[in-house]
Amino acid sequence: RQAPGKERELVATVSSTGLTNYADSVKGRFTISRD
């Protein structure tokens, strides 16, 4: 995501093997999933 006046930053990723990674600011609030 990129907010006005700020750099683009990671929110969350998920690999094809199911490994997930979240920014600290969204942990516990956001959930990433794949189909």
Full PDB file with SEQRES, HELIX, SHEET, SSBOND, CRYST1, ORIGX, SCALE, CONECT and MASTER records, all heavy atoms in Angstrom:
SEQRES   1 A   35  ARG GLN ALA PRO GLY LYS GLU ARG GLU LEU VAL ALA THR          
SEQRES   2 A   35  VAL SER SER THR GLY LEU THR ASN TYR ALA ASP SER VAL          
SEQRES   3 A   35  LYS GLY ARG PHE THR ILE SER ARG ASP                          
SHEET    1 AA1 2 ALA A  12  VAL A  14  0                                        
SHEET    2 AA1 2 THR A  20  TYR A  22 -1                                        
CRYST1    1.000    1.000    1.000  90.00  90.00  90.00 P 1           1          
ORIGX1      1.000000  0.000000  0.000000        0.00000                         
ORIGX2      0.000000  1.000000  0.000000        0.00000                         
ORIGX3      0.000000  0.000000  1.000000        0.00000                         
SCALE1      1.000000  0.000000  0.000000        0.00000                         
SCALE2      0.000000  1.000000  0.000000        0.00000                         
SCALE3      0.000000  0.000000  1.000000        0.00000                         
ATOM      1  N   ARG A   1       0.837  -1.202   0.000  1.00  0.00           N  
ATOM      2  CA  ARG A   1       0.000   0.000   0.000  1.00  0.00           C  
ATOM      3  C   ARG A   1       0.870   1.249   0.000  1.00  0.00           C  
ATOM      4  O   ARG A   1       2.014   1.234   0.446  1.00  0.00           O  
ATOM      5  CB  ARG A   1      -0.937   0.011   1.204  1.00  0.00           C  
ATOM      6  CG  ARG A   1      -0.247   0.139   2.560  1.00  0.00           C  
ATOM      7  CD  ARG A   1      -1.249  -0.038   3.690  1.00  0.00           C  
ATOM      8  NE  ARG A   1      -0.630   0.125   4.998  1.00  0.00           N  
ATOM      9  CZ  ARG A   1      -1.251  -0.097   6.149  1.00  0.00           C  
ATOM     10  NH1 ARG A   1      -2.535  -0.501   6.155  1.00  0.00           N  
ATOM     11  NH2 ARG A   1      -0.627   0.077   7.301  1.00  0.00           N  
ATOM     12  N   GLN A   2       0.266   2.319  -0.510  1.00  0.00           N  
ATOM     13  CA  GLN A   2       0.971   3.593  -0.559  1.00  0.00           C  
ATOM     14  C   GLN A   2       0.004   4.707  -0.182  1.00  0.00           C  
ATOM     15  O   GLN A   2      -0.998   4.925  -0.871  1.00  0.00           O  
ATOM     16  CB  GLN A   2       1.561   3.846  -1.943  1.00  0.00           C  
ATOM     17  CG  GLN A   2       2.446   5.068  -2.005  1.00  0.00           C  
ATOM     18  CD  GLN A   2       3.257   5.132  -3.282  1.00  0.00           C  
ATOM     19  OE1 GLN A   2       2.951   4.463  -4.279  1.00  0.00           O  
ATOM     20  NE2 GLN A   2       4.327   5.911  -3.263  1.00  0.00           N  
ATOM     21  N   ALA A   3       0.316   5.368   0.917  1.00  0.00           N  
ATOM     22  CA  ALA A   3      -0.471   6.509   1.374  1.00  0.00           C  
ATOM     23  C   ALA A   3       0.111   7.786   0.769  1.00  0.00           C  
ATOM     24  O   ALA A   3       1.284   7.816   0.389  1.00  0.00           O  
ATOM     25  CB  ALA A   3      -0.453   6.588   2.895  1.00  0.00           C  
ATOM     26  N   PRO A   4      -0.680   8.838   0.667  1.00  0.00           N  
ATOM     27  CA  PRO A   4      -0.171  10.091   0.093  1.00  0.00           C  
ATOM     28  C   PRO A   4       1.066  10.594   0.818  1.00  0.00           C  
ATOM     29  O   PRO A   4       1.095  10.654   2.050  1.00  0.00           O  
ATOM     30  CB  PRO A   4      -1.355  11.050   0.286  1.00  0.00           C  
ATOM     31  CG  PRO A   4      -2.551  10.184   0.331  1.00  0.00           C  
ATOM     32  CD  PRO A   4      -2.111   8.925   1.013  1.00  0.00           C  
ATOM     33  N   GLY A   5       2.086  10.915   0.057  1.00  0.00           N  
ATOM     34  CA  GLY A   5       3.311  11.436   0.632  1.00  0.00           C  
ATOM     35  C   GLY A   5       4.212  10.407   1.274  1.00  0.00           C  
ATOM     36  O   GLY A   5       5.242  10.769   1.862  1.00  0.00           O  
ATOM     37  N   LYS A   6       3.841   9.135   1.172  1.00  0.00           N  
ATOM     38  CA  LYS A   6       4.646   8.069   1.784  1.00  0.00           C  
ATOM     39  C   LYS A   6       5.097   7.070   0.738  1.00  0.00           C  
ATOM     40  O   LYS A   6       4.547   7.002  -0.354  1.00  0.00           O  
ATOM     41  CB  LYS A   6       3.846   7.366   2.882  1.00  0.00           C  
ATOM     42  CG  LYS A   6       3.500   8.246   4.071  1.00  0.00           C  
ATOM     43  CD  LYS A   6       2.862   7.443   5.174  1.00  0.00           C  
ATOM     44  CE  LYS A   6       2.581   8.304   6.403  1.00  0.00           C  
ATOM     45  NZ  LYS A   6       1.966   7.518   7.503  1.00  0.00           N  
ATOM     46  N   GLU A   7       6.086   6.285   1.104  1.00  0.00           N  
ATOM     47  CA  GLU A   7       6.575   5.245   0.213  1.00  0.00           C  
ATOM     48  C   GLU A   7       5.653   4.029   0.256  1.00  0.00           C  
ATOM     49  O   GLU A   7       4.939   3.805   1.232  1.00  0.00           O  
ATOM     50  CB  GLU A   7       7.998   4.841   0.607  1.00  0.00           C  
ATOM     51  CG  GLU A   7       9.025   5.936   0.433  1.00  0.00           C  
ATOM     52  CD  GLU A   7      10.440   5.454   0.688  1.00  0.00           C  
ATOM     53  OE1 GLU A   7      10.596   4.313   1.152  1.00  0.00           O  
ATOM     54  OE2 GLU A   7      11.376   6.212   0.424  1.00  0.00           O  
ATOM     55  N   ARG A   8       5.697   3.262  -0.821  1.00  0.00           N  
ATOM     56  CA  ARG A   8       4.930   2.026  -0.857  1.00  0.00           C  
ATOM     57  C   ARG A   8       5.507   1.053   0.184  1.00  0.00           C  
ATOM     58  O   ARG A   8       6.738   0.915   0.304  1.00  0.00           O  
ATOM     59  CB  ARG A   8       4.994   1.410  -2.253  1.00  0.00           C  
ATOM     60  CG  ARG A   8       4.016   0.292  -2.479  1.00  0.00           C  
ATOM     61  CD  ARG A   8       3.990  -0.142  -3.946  1.00  0.00           C  
ATOM     62  NE  ARG A   8       3.543   0.948  -4.825  1.00  0.00           N  
ATOM     63  CZ  ARG A   8       3.297   0.771  -6.121  1.00  0.00           C  
ATOM     64  NH1 ARG A   8       3.424  -0.422  -6.675  1.00  0.00           N  
ATOM     65  NH2 ARG A   8       2.908   1.794  -6.851  1.00  0.00           N  
ATOM     66  N   GLU A   9       4.609   0.389   0.908  1.00  0.00           N  
ATOM     67  CA  GLU A   9       5.059  -0.506   1.964  1.00  0.00           C  
ATOM     68  C   GLU A   9       4.338  -1.846   1.882  1.00  0.00           C  
ATOM     69  O   GLU A   9       3.219  -1.948   1.379  1.00  0.00           O  
ATOM     70  CB  GLU A   9       4.806   0.111   3.345  1.00  0.00           C  
ATOM     71  CG  GLU A   9       3.346   0.350   3.663  1.00  0.00           C  
ATOM     72  CD  GLU A   9       3.116   0.902   5.061  1.00  0.00           C  
ATOM     73  OE1 GLU A   9       4.100   1.218   5.763  1.00  0.00           O  
ATOM     74  OE2 GLU A   9       1.946   1.012   5.464  1.00  0.00           O  
ATOM     75  N   LEU A  10       5.003  -2.849   2.415  1.00  0.00           N  
ATOM     76  CA  LEU A  10       4.432  -4.187   2.468  1.00  0.00           C  
ATOM     77  C   LEU A  10       3.242  -4.217   3.416  1.00  0.00           C  
ATOM     78  O   LEU A  10       3.280  -3.636   4.503  1.00  0.00           O  
ATOM     79  CB  LEU A  10       5.494  -5.173   2.967  1.00  0.00           C  
ATOM     80  CG  LEU A  10       5.005  -6.555   3.384  1.00  0.00           C  
ATOM     81  CD1 LEU A  10       4.702  -7.394   2.152  1.00  0.00           C  
ATOM     82  CD2 LEU A  10       6.045  -7.253   4.247  1.00  0.00           C  
ATOM     83  N   VAL A  11       2.189  -4.919   3.011  1.00  0.00           N  
ATOM     84  CA  VAL A  11       1.067  -5.186   3.899  1.00  0.00           C  
ATOM     85  C   VAL A  11       1.104  -6.660   4.311  1.00  0.00           C  
ATOM     86  O   VAL A  11       1.171  -6.988   5.487  1.00  0.00           O  
ATOM     87  CB  VAL A  11      -0.277  -4.861   3.229  1.00  0.00           C  
ATOM     88  CG1 VAL A  11      -1.439  -5.243   4.154  1.00  0.00           C  
ATOM     89  CG2 VAL A  11      -0.339  -3.391   2.849  1.00  0.00           C  
ATOM     90  N   ALA A  12       1.058  -7.541   3.326  1.00  0.00           N  
ATOM     91  CA  ALA A  12       1.077  -8.976   3.607  1.00  0.00           C  
ATOM     92  C   ALA A  12       1.405  -9.732   2.338  1.00  0.00           C  
ATOM     93  O   ALA A  12       1.078  -9.282   1.231  1.00  0.00           O  
ATOM     94  CB  ALA A  12      -0.271  -9.452   4.152  1.00  0.00           C  
ATOM     95  N   THR A  13       2.066 -10.877   2.490  1.00  0.00           N  
ATOM     96  CA  THR A  13       2.349 -11.758   1.365  1.00  0.00           C  
ATOM     97  C   THR A  13       2.055 -13.195   1.747  1.00  0.00           C  
ATOM     98  O   THR A  13       2.043 -13.551   2.945  1.00  0.00           O  
ATOM     99  CB  THR A  13       3.816 -11.660   0.914  1.00  0.00           C  
ATOM    100  OG1 THR A  13       4.659 -12.083   1.988  1.00  0.00           O  
ATOM    101  CG2 THR A  13       4.185 -10.255   0.483  1.00  0.00           C  
ATOM    102  N   VAL A  14       1.824 -14.013   0.723  1.00  0.00           N  
ATOM    103  CA  VAL A  14       1.634 -15.451   0.930  1.00  0.00           C  
ATOM    104  C   VAL A  14       2.270 -16.167  -0.253  1.00  0.00           C  
ATOM    105  O   VAL A  14       2.050 -15.806  -1.405  1.00  0.00           O  
ATOM    106  CB  VAL A  14       0.136 -15.812   1.076  1.00  0.00           C  
ATOM    107  CG1 VAL A  14      -0.688 -15.350  -0.117  1.00  0.00           C  
ATOM    108  CG2 VAL A  14      -0.041 -17.307   1.305  1.00  0.00           C  
ATOM    109  N   SER A  15       3.073 -17.165   0.052  1.00  0.00           N  
ATOM    110  CA  SER A  15       3.736 -17.912  -1.008  1.00  0.00           C  
ATOM    111  C   SER A  15       2.832 -19.030  -1.508  1.00  0.00           C  
ATOM    112  O   SER A  15       1.809 -19.359  -0.892  1.00  0.00           O  
ATOM    113  CB  SER A  15       5.049 -18.507  -0.490  1.00  0.00           C  
ATOM    114  OG  SER A  15       4.786 -19.616   0.367  1.00  0.00           O  
ATOM    115  N   SER A  16       3.235 -19.641  -2.617  1.00  0.00           N  
ATOM    116  CA  SER A  16       2.480 -20.755  -3.174  1.00  0.00           C  
ATOM    117  C   SER A  16       2.522 -21.974  -2.262  1.00  0.00           C  
ATOM    118  O   SER A  16       1.714 -22.893  -2.419  1.00  0.00           O  
ATOM    119  CB  SER A  16       3.001 -21.113  -4.562  1.00  0.00           C  
ATOM    120  OG  SER A  16       4.396 -21.275  -4.543  1.00  0.00           O  
ATOM    121  N   THR A  17       3.439 -21.964  -1.278  1.00  0.00           N  
ATOM    122  CA  THR A  17       3.500 -23.054  -0.303  1.00  0.00           C  
ATOM    123  C   THR A  17       2.733 -22.729   0.967  1.00  0.00           C  
ATOM    124  O   THR A  17       2.713 -23.533   1.901  1.00  0.00           O  
ATOM    125  CB  THR A  17       4.961 -23.381   0.058  1.00  0.00           C  
ATOM    126  OG1 THR A  17       5.568 -22.199   0.604  1.00  0.00           O  
ATOM    127  CG2 THR A  17       5.744 -23.822  -1.169  1.00  0.00           C  
ATOM    128  N   GLY A  18       2.140 -21.523   1.018  1.00  0.00           N  
ATOM    129  CA  GLY A  18       1.319 -21.158   2.158  1.00  0.00           C  
ATOM    130  C   GLY A  18       2.002 -20.341   3.233  1.00  0.00           C  
ATOM    131  O   GLY A  18       1.393 -20.028   4.257  1.00  0.00           O  
ATOM    132  N   LEU A  19       3.253 -19.987   3.021  1.00  0.00           N  
ATOM    133  CA  LEU A  19       3.979 -19.189   4.010  1.00  0.00           C  
ATOM    134  C   LEU A  19       3.497 -17.741   3.932  1.00  0.00           C  
ATOM    135  O   LEU A  19       3.486 -17.145   2.866  1.00  0.00           O  
ATOM    136  CB  LEU A  19       5.473 -19.259   3.734  1.00  0.00           C  
ATOM    137  CG  LEU A  19       6.380 -18.565   4.741  1.00  0.00           C  
ATOM    138  CD1 LEU A  19       6.299 -19.270   6.094  1.00  0.00           C  
ATOM    139  CD2 LEU A  19       7.818 -18.554   4.231  1.00  0.00           C  
ATOM    140  N   THR A  20       3.110 -17.191   5.077  1.00  0.00           N  
ATOM    141  CA  THR A  20       2.598 -15.825   5.117  1.00  0.00           C  
ATOM    142  C   THR A  20       3.551 -14.880   5.848  1.00  0.00           C  
ATOM    143  O   THR A  20       4.348 -15.300   6.687  1.00  0.00           O  
ATOM    144  CB  THR A  20       1.221 -15.762   5.805  1.00  0.00           C  
ATOM    145  OG1 THR A  20       1.346 -16.272   7.144  1.00  0.00           O  
ATOM    146  CG2 THR A  20       0.193 -16.583   5.043  1.00  0.00           C  
ATOM    147  N   ASN A  21       3.421 -13.611   5.513  1.00  0.00           N  
ATOM    148  CA  ASN A  21       4.218 -12.570   6.147  1.00  0.00           C  
ATOM    149  C   ASN A  21       3.347 -11.323   6.244  1.00  0.00           C  
ATOM    150  O   ASN A  21       2.682 -10.962   5.267  1.00  0.00           O  
ATOM    151  CB  ASN A  21       5.478 -12.278   5.329  1.00  0.00           C  
ATOM    152  CG  ASN A  21       6.357 -11.230   5.980  1.00  0.00           C  
ATOM    153  OD1 ASN A  21       6.548 -11.242   7.184  1.00  0.00           O  
ATOM    154  ND2 ASN A  21       6.890 -10.317   5.183  1.00  0.00           N  
ATOM    155  N   TYR A  22       3.341 -10.686   7.421  1.00  0.00           N  
ATOM    156  CA  TYR A  22       2.511  -9.508   7.645  1.00  0.00           C  
ATOM    157  C   TYR A  22       3.353  -8.354   8.172  1.00  0.00           C  
ATOM    158  O   TYR A  22       4.291  -8.546   8.949  1.00  0.00           O  
ATOM    159  CB  TYR A  22       1.414  -9.795   8.682  1.00  0.00           C  
ATOM    160  CG  TYR A  22       0.353 -10.763   8.235  1.00  0.00           C  
ATOM    161  CD1 TYR A  22       0.478 -12.133   8.482  1.00  0.00           C  
ATOM    162  CD2 TYR A  22      -0.794 -10.317   7.572  1.00  0.00           C  
ATOM    163  CE1 TYR A  22      -0.498 -13.021   8.093  1.00  0.00           C  
ATOM    164  CE2 TYR A  22      -1.782 -11.206   7.177  1.00  0.00           C  
ATOM    165  CZ  TYR A  22      -1.626 -12.552   7.437  1.00  0.00           C  
ATOM    166  OH  TYR A  22      -2.608 -13.432   7.037  1.00  0.00           O  
ATOM    167  N   ALA A  23       2.959  -7.153   7.804  1.00  0.00           N  
ATOM    168  CA  ALA A  23       3.526  -5.973   8.441  1.00  0.00           C  
ATOM    169  C   ALA A  23       3.041  -5.942   9.888  1.00  0.00           C  
ATOM    170  O   ALA A  23       1.908  -6.330  10.181  1.00  0.00           O  
ATOM    171  CB  ALA A  23       3.086  -4.714   7.707  1.00  0.00           C  
ATOM    172  N   ASP A  24       3.883  -5.450  10.775  1.00  0.00           N  
ATOM    173  CA  ASP A  24       3.506  -5.396  12.191  1.00  0.00           C  
ATOM    174  C   ASP A  24       2.225  -4.592  12.395  1.00  0.00           C  
ATOM    175  O   ASP A  24       1.411  -4.916  13.272  1.00  0.00           O  
ATOM    176  CB  ASP A  24       4.633  -4.781  13.014  1.00  0.00           C  
ATOM    177  CG  ASP A  24       5.824  -5.715  13.159  1.00  0.00           C  
ATOM    178  OD1 ASP A  24       5.658  -6.929  12.933  1.00  0.00           O  
ATOM    179  OD2 ASP A  24       6.915  -5.222  13.493  1.00  0.00           O  
ATOM    180  N   SER A  25       2.036  -3.577  11.577  1.00  0.00           N  
ATOM    181  CA  SER A  25       0.900  -2.670  11.771  1.00  0.00           C  
ATOM    182  C   SER A  25      -0.445  -3.321  11.461  1.00  0.00           C  
ATOM    183  O   SER A  25      -1.488  -2.798  11.856  1.00  0.00           O  
ATOM    184  CB  SER A  25       1.075  -1.428  10.902  1.00  0.00           C  
ATOM    185  OG  SER A  25       1.160  -1.791   9.538  1.00  0.00           O  
ATOM    186  N   VAL A  26      -0.440  -4.459  10.762  1.00  0.00           N  
ATOM    187  CA  VAL A  26      -1.706  -5.096  10.389  1.00  0.00           C  
ATOM    188  C   VAL A  26      -1.893  -6.468  11.034  1.00  0.00           C  
ATOM    189  O   VAL A  26      -2.954  -7.084  10.883  1.00  0.00           O  
ATOM    190  CB  VAL A  26      -1.852  -5.222   8.857  1.00  0.00           C  
ATOM    191  CG1 VAL A  26      -1.651  -3.868   8.189  1.00  0.00           C  
ATOM    192  CG2 VAL A  26      -0.901  -6.260   8.286  1.00  0.00           C  
ATOM    193  N   LYS A  27      -0.895  -6.950  11.745  1.00  0.00           N  
ATOM    194  CA  LYS A  27      -1.010  -8.264  12.383  1.00  0.00           C  
ATOM    195  C   LYS A  27      -2.202  -8.299  13.341  1.00  0.00           C  
ATOM    196  O   LYS A  27      -2.403  -7.384  14.121  1.00  0.00           O  
ATOM    197  CB  LYS A  27       0.281  -8.596  13.143  1.00  0.00           C  
ATOM    198  CG  LYS A  27       1.429  -9.002  12.254  1.00  0.00           C  
ATOM    199  CD  LYS A  27       2.672  -9.326  13.074  1.00  0.00           C  
ATOM    200  CE  LYS A  27       3.819  -9.740  12.166  1.00  0.00           C  
ATOM    201  NZ  LYS A  27       5.071  -9.996  12.934  1.00  0.00           N  
ATOM    202  N   GLY A  28      -2.956  -9.379  13.229  1.00  0.00           N  
ATOM    203  CA  GLY A  28      -4.128  -9.526  14.083  1.00  0.00           C  
ATOM    204  C   GLY A  28      -5.375  -8.865  13.532  1.00  0.00           C  
ATOM    205  O   GLY A  28      -6.480  -9.098  14.043  1.00  0.00           O  
ATOM    206  N   ARG A  29      -5.224  -8.040  12.505  1.00  0.00           N  
ATOM    207  CA  ARG A  29      -6.380  -7.351  11.907  1.00  0.00           C  
ATOM    208  C   ARG A  29      -6.623  -7.801  10.472  1.00  0.00           C  
ATOM    209  O   ARG A  29      -7.777  -7.879  10.039  1.00  0.00           O  
ATOM    210  CB  ARG A  29      -6.167  -5.834  11.944  1.00  0.00           C  
ATOM    211  CG  ARG A  29      -5.978  -5.264  13.326  1.00  0.00           C  
ATOM    212  CD  ARG A  29      -5.966  -3.735  13.299  1.00  0.00           C  
ATOM    213  NE  ARG A  29      -4.873  -3.191  12.511  1.00  0.00           N  
ATOM    214  CZ  ARG A  29      -5.032  -2.377  11.468  1.00  0.00           C  
ATOM    215  NH1 ARG A  29      -6.244  -2.003  11.088  1.00  0.00           N  
ATOM    216  NH2 ARG A  29      -3.981  -1.911  10.804  1.00  0.00           N  
ATOM    217  N   PHE A  30      -5.565  -8.057   9.735  1.00  0.00           N  
ATOM    218  CA  PHE A  30      -5.673  -8.438   8.323  1.00  0.00           C  
ATOM    219  C   PHE A  30      -5.325  -9.916   8.167  1.00  0.00           C  
ATOM    220  O   PHE A  30      -4.461 -10.437   8.879  1.00  0.00           O  
ATOM    221  CB  PHE A  30      -4.707  -7.626   7.462  1.00  0.00           C  
ATOM    222  CG  PHE A  30      -5.030  -6.162   7.336  1.00  0.00           C  
ATOM    223  CD1 PHE A  30      -6.007  -5.558   8.113  1.00  0.00           C  
ATOM    224  CD2 PHE A  30      -4.346  -5.384   6.420  1.00  0.00           C  
ATOM    225  CE1 PHE A  30      -6.302  -4.212   7.992  1.00  0.00           C  
ATOM    226  CE2 PHE A  30      -4.621  -4.031   6.278  1.00  0.00           C  
ATOM    227  CZ  PHE A  30      -5.585  -3.444   7.070  1.00  0.00           C  
ATOM    228  N   THR A  31      -5.976 -10.559   7.210  1.00  0.00           N  
ATOM    229  CA  THR A  31      -5.683 -11.960   6.901  1.00  0.00           C  
ATOM    230  C   THR A  31      -5.561 -12.116   5.394  1.00  0.00           C  
ATOM    231  O   THR A  31      -6.466 -11.743   4.643  1.00  0.00           O  
ATOM    232  CB  THR A  31      -6.792 -12.892   7.411  1.00  0.00           C  
ATOM    233  OG1 THR A  31      -6.945 -12.727   8.829  1.00  0.00           O  
ATOM    234  CG2 THR A  31      -6.430 -14.341   7.121  1.00  0.00           C  
ATOM    235  N   ILE A  32      -4.436 -12.687   4.968  1.00  0.00           N  
ATOM    236  CA  ILE A  32      -4.214 -12.935   3.541  1.00  0.00           C  
ATOM    237  C   ILE A  32      -4.474 -14.410   3.259  1.00  0.00           C  
ATOM    238  O   ILE A  32      -4.150 -15.272   4.083  1.00  0.00           O  
ATOM    239  CB  ILE A  32      -2.793 -12.506   3.119  1.00  0.00           C  
ATOM    240  CG1 ILE A  32      -2.680 -12.483   1.593  1.00  0.00           C  
ATOM    241  CG2 ILE A  32      -1.729 -13.398   3.760  1.00  0.00           C  
ATOM    242  CD1 ILE A  32      -1.403 -11.808   1.095  1.00  0.00           C  
ATOM    243  N   SER A  33      -5.051 -14.684   2.100  1.00  0.00           N  
ATOM    244  CA  SER A  33      -5.328 -16.071   1.722  1.00  0.00           C  
ATOM    245  C   SER A  33      -5.218 -16.217   0.221  1.00  0.00           C  
ATOM    246  O   SER A  33      -5.263 -15.223  -0.515  1.00  0.00           O  
ATOM    247  CB  SER A  33      -6.735 -16.477   2.188  1.00  0.00           C  
ATOM    248  OG  SER A  33      -7.723 -15.667   1.589  1.00  0.00           O  
ATOM    249  N   ARG A  34      -5.085 -17.464  -0.217  1.00  0.00           N  
ATOM    250  CA  ARG A  34      -4.935 -17.733  -1.648  1.00  0.00           C  
ATOM    251  C   ARG A  34      -5.934 -18.788  -2.103  1.00  0.00           C  
ATOM    252  O   ARG A  34      -6.286 -19.698  -1.351  1.00  0.00           O  
ATOM    253  CB  ARG A  34      -3.520 -18.244  -1.959  1.00  0.00           C  
ATOM    254  CG  ARG A  34      -2.456 -17.234  -1.836  1.00  0.00           C  
ATOM    255  CD  ARG A  34      -1.124 -17.724  -2.336  1.00  0.00           C  
ATOM    256  NE  ARG A  34      -1.153 -17.985  -3.777  1.00  0.00           N  
ATOM    257  CZ  ARG A  34      -0.074 -17.929  -4.534  1.00  0.00           C  
ATOM    258  NH1 ARG A  34       1.094 -17.625  -3.985  1.00  0.00           N  
ATOM    259  NH2 ARG A  34      -0.147 -18.197  -5.818  1.00  0.00           N  
ATOM    260  N   ASP A  35      -6.334 -18.649  -3.339  1.00  0.00           N  
ATOM    261  CA  ASP A  35      -7.097 -19.678  -4.038  1.00  0.00           C  
ATOM    262  C   ASP A  35      -6.207 -20.115  -5.201  1.00  0.00           C  
ATOM    263  O   ASP A  35      -6.144 -19.463  -6.234  1.00  0.00           O  
ATOM    264  CB  ASP A  35      -8.430 -19.126  -4.538  1.00  0.00           C  
ATOM    265  CG  ASP A  35      -9.279 -20.186  -5.204  1.00  0.00           C  
ATOM    266  OD1 ASP A  35      -8.719 -21.170  -5.745  1.00  0.00           O  
ATOM    267  OD2 ASP A  35     -10.511 -20.040  -5.210  1.00  0.00           O  
TER     268      ASP A  35                                                      
MASTER        0    0    0    0    2    0    0    6  267    1    0    3          
END                                                                             
